Protein backbone atom coordinates (compact mmCIF):
# COMPACT_ATOMS: atom_id res chain seq x y z
CA MET A 1 -10.73 -67.30 55.39
CA ASN A 2 -7.98 -64.75 54.91
CA ILE A 3 -8.02 -62.62 51.78
CA SER A 4 -4.64 -61.72 50.35
CA ASP A 5 -3.55 -58.14 49.75
CA GLU A 6 -3.52 -58.81 46.00
CA GLU A 7 -7.15 -59.98 46.04
CA GLU A 8 -8.15 -56.92 48.09
CA GLU A 9 -6.56 -54.62 45.48
CA GLU A 10 -8.46 -56.38 42.66
CA GLU A 11 -11.77 -56.01 44.50
CA GLY A 12 -10.99 -52.35 45.17
CA GLU A 13 -10.42 -51.74 41.46
CA GLU A 14 -13.76 -53.38 40.64
CA VAL A 15 -15.55 -51.15 43.14
CA GLN A 16 -13.99 -48.03 41.60
CA LYS A 17 -15.09 -49.07 38.11
CA THR A 18 -18.71 -49.38 39.22
CA PRO A 19 -20.48 -46.11 38.37
CA SER A 20 -22.27 -44.30 41.14
CA LYS A 21 -26.04 -44.12 41.34
CA GLN A 22 -25.81 -40.40 40.50
CA GLN A 23 -23.72 -41.09 37.40
CA LEU A 24 -26.13 -43.80 36.24
CA LEU A 25 -29.07 -41.44 36.72
CA TYR A 26 -27.28 -38.73 34.71
CA GLU A 27 -26.51 -41.09 31.81
CA LEU A 28 -30.05 -42.49 31.84
CA SER A 29 -31.46 -38.96 31.75
CA GLN A 30 -29.25 -38.15 28.75
CA ILE A 31 -30.56 -41.18 26.87
CA VAL A 32 -34.17 -40.22 27.61
CA PHE A 33 -33.58 -36.57 26.61
CA GLU A 34 -31.83 -37.48 23.34
CA TYR A 35 -34.89 -39.36 22.04
CA MET A 36 -37.44 -36.94 23.45
CA GLU A 37 -39.26 -34.41 21.25
CA PRO A 38 -37.32 -31.10 21.50
CA ASN A 39 -40.18 -28.99 22.83
CA SER A 40 -40.92 -31.55 25.57
CA ARG A 41 -37.25 -31.32 26.53
CA PHE A 42 -37.44 -27.54 26.74
CA HIS A 43 -40.57 -27.73 28.90
CA LEU A 44 -38.90 -30.05 31.42
CA SER A 45 -35.66 -28.06 31.43
CA LEU A 46 -37.45 -24.76 32.07
CA HIS A 47 -39.61 -26.15 34.88
CA LEU A 48 -37.15 -28.56 36.55
CA PRO A 49 -33.83 -26.80 37.26
CA SER A 50 -32.27 -30.04 38.50
CA LEU A 51 -32.52 -31.49 34.97
CA ARG A 52 -31.35 -28.37 33.16
CA SER A 53 -27.64 -29.20 33.02
CA VAL A 54 -28.44 -32.72 31.77
CA GLU A 55 -30.67 -31.39 28.99
CA LYS A 56 -28.09 -28.76 27.98
CA GLY A 57 -25.40 -31.43 27.77
CA THR A 58 -27.42 -33.85 25.63
CA HIS A 59 -27.35 -33.89 21.84
CA LEU A 60 -30.31 -32.03 20.33
CA LYS A 61 -31.71 -32.25 16.80
CA ILE A 62 -34.26 -29.77 15.41
CA ASN A 63 -35.76 -30.13 11.94
CA LYS A 64 -37.05 -26.56 11.60
CA LEU A 65 -36.06 -23.50 13.61
CA ALA A 66 -37.60 -20.17 12.58
CA PHE A 67 -37.22 -16.67 14.04
CA THR A 68 -39.30 -13.51 13.57
CA ASP A 69 -39.27 -10.34 15.67
CA ASN A 70 -41.66 -11.84 18.22
CA GLU A 71 -41.94 -15.56 17.46
CA ILE A 72 -39.87 -18.73 17.53
CA THR A 73 -40.93 -21.92 15.78
CA VAL A 74 -39.33 -25.21 16.77
CA ASN A 75 -40.55 -27.94 14.41
CA GLN A 76 -44.35 -27.57 14.71
CA THR A 77 -44.48 -25.68 18.01
CA THR A 78 -44.57 -21.87 18.20
CA TYR A 79 -43.45 -19.56 21.00
CA LYS A 80 -45.12 -16.20 20.43
CA LEU A 81 -44.60 -13.01 22.44
CA THR A 82 -47.24 -10.29 22.51
CA ILE A 83 -47.97 -7.29 24.71
CA SER A 84 -51.28 -6.75 26.45
CA ILE A 85 -51.99 -3.00 26.75
CA ALA A 86 -54.41 -1.63 29.30
CA ARG A 87 -55.46 1.99 29.78
CA GLN A 88 -58.00 3.44 32.17
CA TYR A 89 -61.57 3.24 30.79
CA GLU A 90 -60.36 1.19 27.79
CA ILE A 91 -60.60 -2.50 26.94
CA SER A 92 -57.18 -4.15 26.99
CA ARG A 93 -55.78 -5.28 23.65
CA SER A 94 -52.88 -7.43 22.45
CA ILE A 95 -50.23 -6.27 19.98
CA ASP A 96 -47.14 -7.92 18.50
CA HIS A 97 -44.75 -4.96 18.67
CA ASP A 98 -43.14 -2.87 21.40
CA VAL A 99 -44.71 0.36 22.67
CA ASP A 100 -43.65 3.23 24.92
CA GLU A 101 -45.35 4.44 28.12
CA PHE A 102 -48.07 6.18 26.09
CA GLY A 103 -48.89 3.16 23.90
CA PHE A 104 -47.10 4.48 20.82
CA ARG A 105 -45.30 1.94 18.67
CA THR A 106 -41.59 2.17 19.37
CA ASN A 107 -38.72 0.98 17.25
CA THR A 108 -36.36 -1.40 19.07
CA LYS A 109 -34.61 -2.62 15.96
CA ASP A 110 -31.48 -0.62 16.69
CA THR A 111 -31.35 -1.65 20.34
CA MET A 112 -28.45 -4.08 20.32
CA MET A 113 -27.65 -6.29 23.30
CA ASN A 114 -24.65 -8.51 23.89
CA GLY A 115 -24.77 -11.44 21.45
CA ASP A 116 -27.36 -9.90 19.10
CA VAL A 117 -26.72 -10.32 15.37
CA CYS A 118 -27.81 -7.75 12.78
CA MET A 119 -29.03 -9.66 9.71
CA GLU A 120 -29.60 -6.66 7.41
CA SER A 121 -27.03 -5.74 4.80
CA SER A 122 -25.23 -2.50 5.68
CA SER A 123 -26.66 -0.49 2.75
CA ASP A 124 -30.28 -1.41 3.52
CA ASN A 125 -29.68 -0.66 7.18
CA GLU A 126 -28.59 2.89 6.30
CA VAL A 127 -31.73 3.50 4.21
CA ASP A 128 -33.95 2.22 7.02
CA ALA A 129 -32.12 4.45 9.50
CA VAL A 130 -33.18 7.55 7.53
CA LYS A 131 -36.80 6.35 7.51
CA ARG A 132 -36.70 5.68 11.25
CA ILE A 133 -35.33 9.16 11.99
CA ARG A 134 -38.22 10.68 10.01
CA LEU A 135 -40.78 8.54 11.84
CA THR A 136 -39.22 9.39 15.20
CA HIS A 137 -39.68 13.13 14.56
CA GLU A 138 -43.34 12.56 13.62
CA LYS A 139 -43.88 10.45 16.73
CA LEU A 140 -42.28 13.08 19.00
CA GLY A 141 -44.76 15.64 17.72
CA LEU A 142 -47.70 13.38 18.52
CA MET A 143 -46.30 12.55 21.95
CA GLU A 144 -45.94 16.21 22.85
CA ALA A 145 -49.56 16.83 21.86
CA MET A 146 -50.73 13.89 23.97
CA LYS A 147 -48.69 14.97 26.99
CA LYS A 148 -50.49 18.31 26.98
CA GLU A 149 -53.78 16.41 27.27
CA GLU A 150 -52.30 14.35 30.15
CA PRO A 151 -53.25 10.91 28.81
CA PRO A 152 -53.48 7.97 31.23
CA GLU A 153 -50.31 5.95 31.45
CA CYS A 154 -50.31 2.71 29.49
CA ARG A 155 -49.86 -0.51 31.50
CA SER A 156 -48.10 -3.29 29.59
CA THR A 157 -47.92 -7.02 30.28
CA LEU A 158 -45.75 -9.38 28.26
CA LYS A 159 -47.47 -12.61 27.25
CA LEU A 160 -45.84 -15.81 25.98
CA THR A 161 -48.15 -18.22 24.15
CA ILE A 162 -46.79 -21.68 23.38
CA THR A 163 -48.86 -23.52 20.78
CA SER A 164 -48.05 -27.17 20.13
CA GLU A 165 -48.57 -29.19 16.96
CA ASN A 166 -51.89 -30.58 18.21
CA GLY A 167 -53.22 -27.08 19.01
CA GLY A 168 -52.66 -27.22 22.76
CA MET A 169 -51.75 -23.88 24.32
CA ARG A 170 -49.83 -22.76 27.39
CA ILE A 171 -49.78 -19.07 28.35
CA TYR A 172 -47.34 -17.28 30.64
CA THR A 173 -47.31 -13.57 31.57
CA SER A 174 -44.72 -11.17 32.96
CA SER A 175 -45.05 -7.71 34.46
CA ASN A 176 -41.31 -7.39 35.08
CA ILE A 177 -40.23 -7.78 31.45
CA THR A 178 -42.58 -5.70 29.31
CA LYS A 179 -40.64 -5.38 26.04
CA ILE A 180 -40.85 -7.99 23.31
CA TYR A 181 -37.20 -7.65 22.30
CA GLU A 182 -36.12 -8.26 25.91
CA GLY A 183 -38.50 -11.21 26.18
CA MET A 184 -37.07 -12.72 22.99
CA LYS A 185 -33.56 -12.37 24.38
CA VAL A 186 -34.49 -14.14 27.61
CA LEU A 187 -36.51 -16.85 25.84
CA ILE A 188 -33.81 -17.65 23.27
CA ALA A 189 -31.16 -17.78 26.00
CA ALA A 190 -33.30 -20.07 28.17
CA ILE A 191 -34.00 -22.53 25.35
CA PHE A 192 -30.82 -22.46 23.27
CA GLY A 193 -28.15 -20.91 25.47
CA TYR A 194 -25.58 -22.58 27.71
CA ARG A 195 -25.46 -25.80 25.68
CA THR A 196 -22.26 -27.76 26.19
CA VAL A 197 -22.44 -29.95 23.06
CA ILE A 198 -23.04 -29.19 19.37
CA TRP A 199 -26.71 -29.33 18.46
CA ASN A 200 -28.10 -29.86 14.96
CA VAL A 201 -30.60 -27.77 13.02
CA GLU A 202 -31.79 -29.11 9.68
CA CYS A 203 -33.32 -25.81 8.50
CA MET A 204 -33.04 -22.35 10.07
CA ILE A 205 -35.33 -19.56 8.80
CA ILE A 206 -34.30 -16.04 9.86
CA SER A 207 -37.09 -13.49 9.28
CA THR A 208 -35.95 -10.88 11.77
CA ASP A 209 -33.45 -8.11 11.06
CA ASN A 210 -31.97 -8.32 14.55
CA LEU A 211 -31.63 -11.84 15.95
CA ARG A 212 -31.53 -11.74 19.76
CA TRP A 213 -28.93 -14.49 19.87
CA ILE A 214 -27.26 -16.43 22.66
CA VAL A 215 -24.24 -15.09 24.54
CA SER A 216 -22.98 -18.32 26.10
CA GLY A 217 -22.96 -21.91 24.97
CA VAL A 218 -22.20 -23.98 21.88
CA ARG A 219 -23.80 -22.74 18.65
CA PRO A 220 -25.78 -25.04 16.32
CA LEU A 221 -24.54 -26.98 13.33
CA VAL A 222 -26.97 -25.82 10.62
CA GLN A 223 -27.58 -27.63 7.32
CA LYS A 224 -29.85 -25.11 5.56
CA ILE A 225 -30.46 -21.38 6.04
CA GLN A 226 -33.35 -19.38 4.59
CA ARG A 227 -33.77 -15.62 4.51
CA PHE A 228 -35.99 -13.71 2.08
CA SER A 229 -34.89 -10.11 2.63
CA SER A 230 -31.53 -8.34 2.58
CA VAL A 231 -28.89 -10.38 4.34
CA ASN A 232 -25.65 -9.79 6.21
CA LEU A 233 -23.86 -13.04 5.35
CA ASP A 234 -21.08 -12.35 7.86
CA GLY A 235 -23.71 -12.54 10.59
CA LEU A 236 -24.26 -16.22 9.86
CA ARG A 237 -20.84 -17.06 11.29
CA LEU A 238 -21.93 -15.51 14.60
CA ILE A 239 -25.08 -17.65 14.67
CA CYS A 240 -23.86 -21.05 13.46
CA HIS A 241 -21.11 -23.37 14.61
CA GLN A 242 -18.00 -23.14 12.42
CA THR A 243 -18.52 -26.70 11.17
CA SER A 244 -21.77 -25.56 9.49
CA PHE A 245 -19.67 -24.13 6.66
CA PRO A 246 -19.75 -24.70 3.80
CA LEU A 247 -23.55 -24.76 4.10
CA LYS A 248 -25.43 -27.65 2.52
CA ILE A 249 -28.22 -25.33 1.30
CA LEU A 250 -28.45 -21.53 1.24
CA HIS A 251 -31.86 -20.12 0.26
CA LEU A 252 -31.84 -16.35 -0.22
CA ALA A 253 -33.39 -13.41 -1.99
CA ILE A 254 -30.04 -12.04 -3.10
CA ASP A 255 -28.69 -9.26 -5.28
CA SER A 256 -25.44 -8.71 -7.15
CA ARG A 257 -23.74 -7.04 -4.15
CA ILE A 258 -23.11 -10.34 -2.34
CA LEU A 259 -22.50 -12.75 -5.24
CA ASP A 260 -18.79 -12.98 -4.46
CA HIS A 261 -19.20 -13.55 -0.72
CA GLU A 262 -17.37 -16.63 0.54
CA ILE A 263 -20.41 -18.14 2.30
CA LEU A 264 -22.55 -17.82 -0.83
CA VAL A 265 -19.84 -19.02 -3.25
CA ASN A 266 -19.03 -22.09 -1.15
CA ALA A 267 -22.64 -23.18 -0.48
CA GLU A 268 -23.16 -26.67 -1.90
CA ASN A 269 -26.69 -25.82 -3.08
CA LEU A 270 -27.91 -22.27 -3.72
CA LEU A 271 -31.62 -21.39 -3.99
CA ILE A 272 -32.38 -17.90 -5.27
CA HIS A 273 -35.26 -15.86 -6.70
CA SER A 274 -34.86 -14.65 -10.27
CA GLY A 275 -36.91 -11.54 -9.49
CA MET A 276 -33.83 -10.06 -7.82
CA PHE A 277 -32.00 -10.01 -11.18
CA THR A 278 -32.82 -7.74 -14.09
CA HIS A 279 -30.30 -9.13 -16.59
CA GLU A 280 -28.74 -12.52 -17.33
CA THR A 281 -25.24 -11.03 -16.93
CA ASP A 282 -25.97 -10.72 -13.18
CA LEU A 283 -26.72 -14.43 -13.00
CA MET A 284 -23.52 -15.21 -14.87
CA LYS A 285 -21.68 -13.90 -11.81
CA VAL A 286 -23.11 -16.79 -9.78
CA SER A 287 -20.30 -19.35 -9.77
CA ASN A 288 -22.04 -22.10 -7.77
CA LEU A 289 -22.37 -25.44 -9.53
CA LYS A 290 -25.74 -26.36 -8.04
CA VAL A 291 -28.39 -23.65 -8.17
CA GLN A 292 -32.18 -23.66 -8.03
CA LEU A 293 -33.81 -20.54 -9.47
CA PHE A 294 -37.51 -19.65 -9.38
CA PRO A 295 -39.57 -18.51 -11.06
CA ILE A 296 -38.15 -17.88 -14.54
CA ARG A 297 -39.60 -16.48 -17.79
CA VAL A 298 -39.00 -18.05 -21.20
CA GLY A 299 -37.19 -14.95 -22.50
CA PHE A 300 -34.95 -14.71 -19.44
CA PHE A 301 -34.12 -18.42 -19.72
CA ALA A 302 -33.22 -18.04 -23.41
CA ASP A 303 -30.86 -15.15 -22.66
CA LEU A 304 -29.21 -17.09 -19.85
CA MET A 305 -28.80 -20.18 -22.04
CA ASN A 306 -27.19 -18.07 -24.80
CA ALA A 307 -24.77 -16.61 -22.22
CA TRP A 308 -23.81 -20.11 -21.11
CA MET A 309 -23.23 -21.17 -24.71
CA GLU A 310 -21.12 -18.09 -25.44
CA LYS A 311 -19.03 -17.87 -22.28
CA GLY A 312 -19.13 -21.49 -21.13
CA ARG A 313 -19.68 -23.11 -17.77
CA PRO A 314 -17.70 -25.83 -15.92
CA VAL A 315 -18.66 -29.47 -16.42
CA GLY A 316 -20.85 -30.49 -13.49
CA THR A 317 -22.83 -27.25 -13.43
CA SER A 318 -26.46 -28.17 -12.77
CA TRP A 319 -29.11 -25.46 -12.45
CA SER A 320 -32.83 -26.10 -12.07
CA PHE A 321 -35.60 -23.58 -12.71
CA GLU A 322 -39.10 -23.66 -11.31
CA VAL A 323 -41.71 -22.94 -13.99
CA GLN A 324 -45.08 -22.01 -12.56
CA ARG A 325 -48.18 -22.55 -14.68
CA LEU A 326 -51.40 -20.60 -14.16
CA PRO A 327 -54.58 -22.60 -13.34
CA PHE A 328 -55.93 -22.26 -16.89
CA GLN A 329 -52.60 -23.24 -18.47
CA SER A 330 -52.39 -27.02 -18.43
CA GLU A 331 -49.86 -27.52 -21.24
CA GLU A 332 -46.27 -28.48 -20.63
CA PRO A 333 -43.55 -25.80 -20.64
CA SER A 334 -42.38 -26.99 -24.05
CA GLY A 335 -41.64 -23.44 -25.12
CA TYR A 336 -38.38 -23.61 -23.15
CA ILE A 337 -37.27 -26.50 -25.37
CA ASP A 338 -38.76 -25.14 -28.61
CA ILE A 339 -36.67 -21.95 -28.48
CA LEU A 340 -33.54 -24.11 -28.76
CA ARG A 341 -34.53 -26.43 -31.62
CA GLY A 342 -33.36 -24.07 -34.37
CA ASN A 343 -29.87 -23.80 -32.91
CA ALA A 344 -27.17 -25.15 -35.22
CA ARG A 345 -25.40 -26.84 -32.28
CA VAL A 346 -28.25 -29.27 -31.51
CA ILE A 347 -26.95 -32.82 -31.06
CA GLU A 348 -30.21 -34.59 -30.18
CA SER A 349 -33.66 -33.73 -28.89
CA ASP A 350 -37.07 -35.13 -28.03
CA ARG A 351 -40.30 -33.71 -26.61
CA ARG A 352 -38.92 -32.95 -23.15
CA SER A 353 -35.16 -32.59 -23.63
CA ILE A 354 -32.47 -31.27 -25.93
CA LYS A 355 -28.66 -31.42 -26.04
CA LEU A 356 -26.38 -28.84 -27.64
CA SER A 357 -22.63 -28.80 -28.21
CA MET A 358 -20.72 -26.31 -26.05
CA GLY A 359 -17.33 -27.06 -27.59
CA LEU A 360 -14.90 -29.93 -27.91
CA SER A 361 -15.36 -31.37 -24.42
CA SER A 362 -18.83 -30.50 -23.08
CA ILE A 363 -22.51 -30.39 -24.00
CA LEU A 364 -25.47 -28.42 -22.66
CA SER A 365 -28.46 -30.54 -21.65
CA VAL A 366 -31.88 -28.94 -21.11
CA SER A 367 -34.81 -31.04 -19.91
CA TYR A 368 -37.94 -31.12 -17.77
CA GLY A 369 -39.81 -33.94 -16.05
CA ASP A 370 -43.30 -34.55 -14.72
CA PRO A 371 -45.17 -31.70 -13.03
CA ILE A 372 -45.74 -31.40 -9.30
CA PHE A 373 -49.28 -30.36 -8.43
CA HIS A 374 -49.60 -27.93 -5.52
CA GLN A 375 -53.13 -28.24 -4.19
CA SER A 376 -52.86 -25.12 -2.03
CA ILE A 377 -52.42 -22.90 -5.11
CA ASN A 378 -54.30 -25.15 -7.57
CA ARG A 379 -51.55 -25.26 -10.16
CA ASN A 380 -48.72 -27.34 -11.56
CA ASN A 381 -45.08 -26.50 -11.07
CA TRP A 382 -42.55 -27.83 -13.54
CA THR A 383 -38.83 -28.11 -12.93
CA LEU A 384 -36.63 -27.26 -15.89
CA LYS A 385 -33.01 -28.42 -15.61
CA MET A 386 -29.97 -27.05 -17.42
CA GLU A 387 -26.74 -29.04 -17.02
CA VAL A 388 -23.24 -29.00 -18.45
CA LEU A 389 -22.12 -32.58 -19.16
CA LYS A 390 -18.85 -34.08 -20.31
CA LEU A 391 -18.88 -34.96 -24.02
């Protein structure tokens, strides 16, 4: 039977549409990787180079990503770098900071490599620089004294310990890379670098002043960022994908110097510590509508409430305050409500809430709900809410 040219063309088109075995394998691998636990993905990618490009090109979602100077936490798995020091006639020991050839602690904070992001605010960085110069002079004196005694050279080995959620451990060592900051750079690049698609991070915790960040690859889309020391907010744009902003949640220990920063002002939810503020006028500079503040004293709360009543706040402003009770204090935080009851602007009140007039078009509502018991600290935490509502 003769097949016409037209039929041959149709069959040829069908053959071209059929994906190759290699393409099918690639797509299947992507599906498997996408639903695989992130740390299992990393393990396969690091040990099987043939799968690396597939893993890097597959969507990744991480719930918690935390960085310190020598440790990375991905969900419930930790990647910790330490240095094993060995000297002649001495028992080897492990430390979690970098040392020089004589075993002295050395500061690598100012050693910046391509892609690194300084997370300290500029003013705090200058103060630390003065301290480091002083310590360097002291260290040089000790080193000179030791050199005269001709101490044995210190042998260093870098150790990576990976601890999974179930307690399982894998340990790797390196004699070529012997500095923690270099090891962090290599490790972060191997796990997070060279990604070709946006990857999601629910919560990123940055507890290092110099993040050894990736040079190549797509950066993550981050929902929430936490940092509890001085912060360089501009650095966040170098770490996160541009679509991360405005941030869903920004959790910081902040001061008045950064209250007008665009990233802070535009954050949908701002979590801050009241201990960073000495006066309610500082908090009045916070323009965010949704703020969680903790902890807070009765007197500080009263001053802040009076400032709101006097100067006003936009309708839709909703701030919550964490009130921590000591173990022997079981009563409700009713004092926060009681201080308002004598105000002439009270519209209505009950045991746990009160509403006051803020003018012709808005009211101030203050309330608290049921406590949340934290077993780890054996105490109740109450959440006090202050909102500006439309009249």
